[in-house]
C-alpha atoms as a PDB file:
ATOM      1  CA  UNK A   1    -107.205 304.844  68.165  1.00  0.00           C
ATOM      2  CA  UNK A   2    -103.917 302.762  67.561  1.00  0.00           C
ATOM      3  CA  UNK A   3    -103.425 299.524  65.356  1.00  0.00           C
ATOM      4  CA  UNK A   4    -100.212 297.457  65.382  1.00  0.00           C
ATOM      5  CA  UNK A   5     -99.357 295.388  62.097  1.00  0.00           C
ATOM      6  CA  UNK A   6     -96.749 292.855  61.575  1.00  0.00           C
ATOM      7  CA  UNK A   7     -95.048 293.458  58.352  1.00  0.00           C
ATOM      8  CA  UNK A   8     -92.223 292.213  56.064  1.00  0.00           C
ATOM      9  CA  UNK A   9     -90.828 295.595  55.438  1.00  0.00           C
ATOM     10  CA  UNK A  10     -86.760 295.147  55.823  1.00  0.00           C
ATOM     11  CA  UNK A  11     -85.236 298.479  55.443  1.00  0.00           C
ATOM     12  CA  UNK A  12     -85.581 302.091  56.263  1.00  0.00           C
ATOM     13  CA  UNK A  13     -85.656 303.028  52.604  1.00  0.00           C
ATOM     14  CA  UNK A  14     -88.799 300.635  52.235  1.00  0.00           C
ATOM     15  CA  UNK A  15     -90.515 301.936  55.570  1.00  0.00           C
ATOM     16  CA  UNK A  16     -89.927 305.653  54.506  1.00  0.00           C
ATOM     17  CA  UNK A  17     -91.219 304.866  50.955  1.00  0.00           C
ATOM     18  CA  UNK A  18     -94.354 303.352  52.399  1.00  0.00           C
ATOM     19  CA  UNK A  19     -94.915 306.002  54.962  1.00  0.00           C
ATOM     20  CA  UNK A  20     -94.811 308.631  52.329  1.00  0.00           C
ATOM     21  CA  UNK A  21     -97.599 306.787  50.465  1.00  0.00           C
ATOM     22  CA  UNK A  22     -99.616 306.247  53.662  1.00  0.00           C
ATOM     23  CA  UNK A  23     -99.550 310.070  54.308  1.00  0.00           C
ATOM     24  CA  UNK A  24    -100.723 310.711  50.922  1.00  0.00           C
ATOM     25  CA  UNK A  25    -103.533 308.328  51.137  1.00  0.00           C
ATOM     26  CA  UNK A  26    -104.558 308.911  54.908  1.00  0.00           C
ATOM     27  CA  UNK A  27    -103.945 312.356  55.849  1.00  0.00           C
ATOM     28  CA  UNK A  28    -105.362 311.809  59.347  1.00  0.00           C
ATOM     29  CA  UNK A  29    -102.901 308.567  60.315  1.00  0.00           C
ATOM     30  CA  UNK A  30     -99.582 308.981  61.814  1.00  0.00           C
ATOM     31  CA  UNK A  31     -97.596 306.066  61.331  1.00  0.00           C
ATOM     32  CA  UNK A  32     -93.949 304.663  62.109  1.00  0.00           C
ATOM     33  CA  UNK A  33     -91.957 301.318  61.985  1.00  0.00           C
ATOM     34  CA  UNK A  34     -89.951 299.759  64.471  1.00  0.00           C
ATOM     35  CA  UNK A  35     -87.543 297.561  62.130  1.00  0.00           C
ATOM     36  CA  UNK A  36     -85.554 296.360  64.790  1.00  0.00           C
ATOM     37  CA  UNK A  37     -88.669 294.411  66.133  1.00  0.00           C
ATOM     38  CA  UNK A  38     -88.689 290.639  64.677  1.00  0.00           C
ATOM     39  CA  UNK A  39     -92.161 291.314  63.568  1.00  0.00           C
ATOM     40  CA  UNK A  40     -91.047 294.640  61.749  1.00  0.00           C
ATOM     41  CA  UNK A  41     -93.844 296.640  63.369  1.00  0.00           C
ATOM     42  CA  UNK A  42     -95.804 299.234  61.601  1.00  0.00           C
ATOM     43  CA  UNK A  43     -97.744 301.292  64.425  1.00  0.00           C
ATOM     44  CA  UNK A  44    -100.704 303.413  63.103  1.00  0.00           C
ATOM     45  CA  UNK A  45    -102.726 306.079  64.947  1.00  0.00           C
ATOM     46  CA  UNK A  46    -105.480 308.082  64.409  1.00  0.00           C
ATOM     47  CA  UNK A  47    -106.748 310.759  66.565  1.00  0.00           C
ATOM     48  CA  UNK A  48    -109.894 311.792  64.739  1.00  0.00           C
ATOM     49  CA  UNK A  49    -111.826 308.288  64.188  1.00  0.00           C
ATOM     50  CA  UNK A  50    -111.138 304.840  63.559  1.00  0.00           C
ATOM     51  CA  UNK A  51    -108.382 303.146  61.411  1.00  0.00           C
ATOM     52  CA  UNK A  52    -109.312 300.473  58.788  1.00  0.00           C
ATOM     53  CA  UNK A  53    -106.972 297.612  59.373  1.00  0.00           C
ATOM     54  CA  UNK A  54    -107.916 296.007  55.853  1.00  0.00           C
ATOM     55  CA  UNK A  55    -107.199 299.231  53.837  1.00  0.00           C
ATOM     56  CA  UNK A  56    -103.752 299.506  55.738  1.00  0.00           C
ATOM     57  CA  UNK A  57    -102.996 295.854  54.774  1.00  0.00           C
ATOM     58  CA  UNK A  58    -104.150 296.742  51.269  1.00  0.00           C
ATOM     59  CA  UNK A  59    -101.999 299.691  50.935  1.00  0.00           C
ATOM     60  CA  UNK A  60     -99.068 297.543  52.149  1.00  0.00           C
ATOM     61  CA  UNK A  61     -99.733 294.729  49.411  1.00  0.00           C
ATOM     62  CA  UNK A  62    -100.154 297.528  46.844  1.00  0.00           C
ATOM     63  CA  UNK A  63     -96.723 298.633  47.816  1.00  0.00           C
ATOM     64  CA  UNK A  64     -95.353 294.940  47.473  1.00  0.00           C
ATOM     65  CA  UNK A  65     -95.691 294.136  51.431  1.00  0.00           C
ATOM     66  CA  UNK A  66     -97.285 291.640  53.546  1.00  0.00           C
ATOM     67  CA  UNK A  67     -99.044 292.683  56.944  1.00  0.00           C
ATOM     68  CA  UNK A  68    -101.233 291.465  59.341  1.00  0.00           C
ATOM     69  CA  UNK A  69    -102.933 293.102  62.676  1.00  0.00           C
ATOM     70  CA  UNK A  70    -101.186 292.007  65.860  1.00  0.00           C
ATOM     71  CA  UNK A  71    -103.828 291.150  68.465  1.00  0.00           C
ATOM     72  CA  UNK A  72    -103.965 292.815  71.682  1.00  0.00           C
ATOM     73  CA  UNK A  73    -102.627 290.693  74.543  1.00  0.00           C
ATOM     74  CA  UNK A  74    -103.139 291.738  77.927  1.00  0.00           C
ATOM     75  CA  UNK A  75    -101.069 289.796  80.368  1.00  0.00           C
ATOM     76  CA  UNK A  76    -102.363 289.524  84.016  1.00  0.00           C
ATOM     77  CA  UNK A  77    -100.259 288.313  86.756  1.00  0.00           C
ATOM     78  CA  UNK A  78    -101.114 285.201  88.451  1.00  0.00           C
ATOM     79  CA  UNK A  79    -101.458 285.778  92.098  1.00  0.00           C
END
């Protein structure tokens, strides 16, 4: 399972600090940031179960950041 979050993490240093905290808190989650995207994307993957988006958002908040789940959007072409 994969969840994608919009965040306000601005720097690589902030991202690395948060990812270190996330690894300690959620050992089964793999996460990375795309800070070049305008939404400062946090992508979280879990191979052995589901992801708790509320818990990820709370962890962001405890570390001084904001976050929200980005909804899946499937674009289908008009024929």
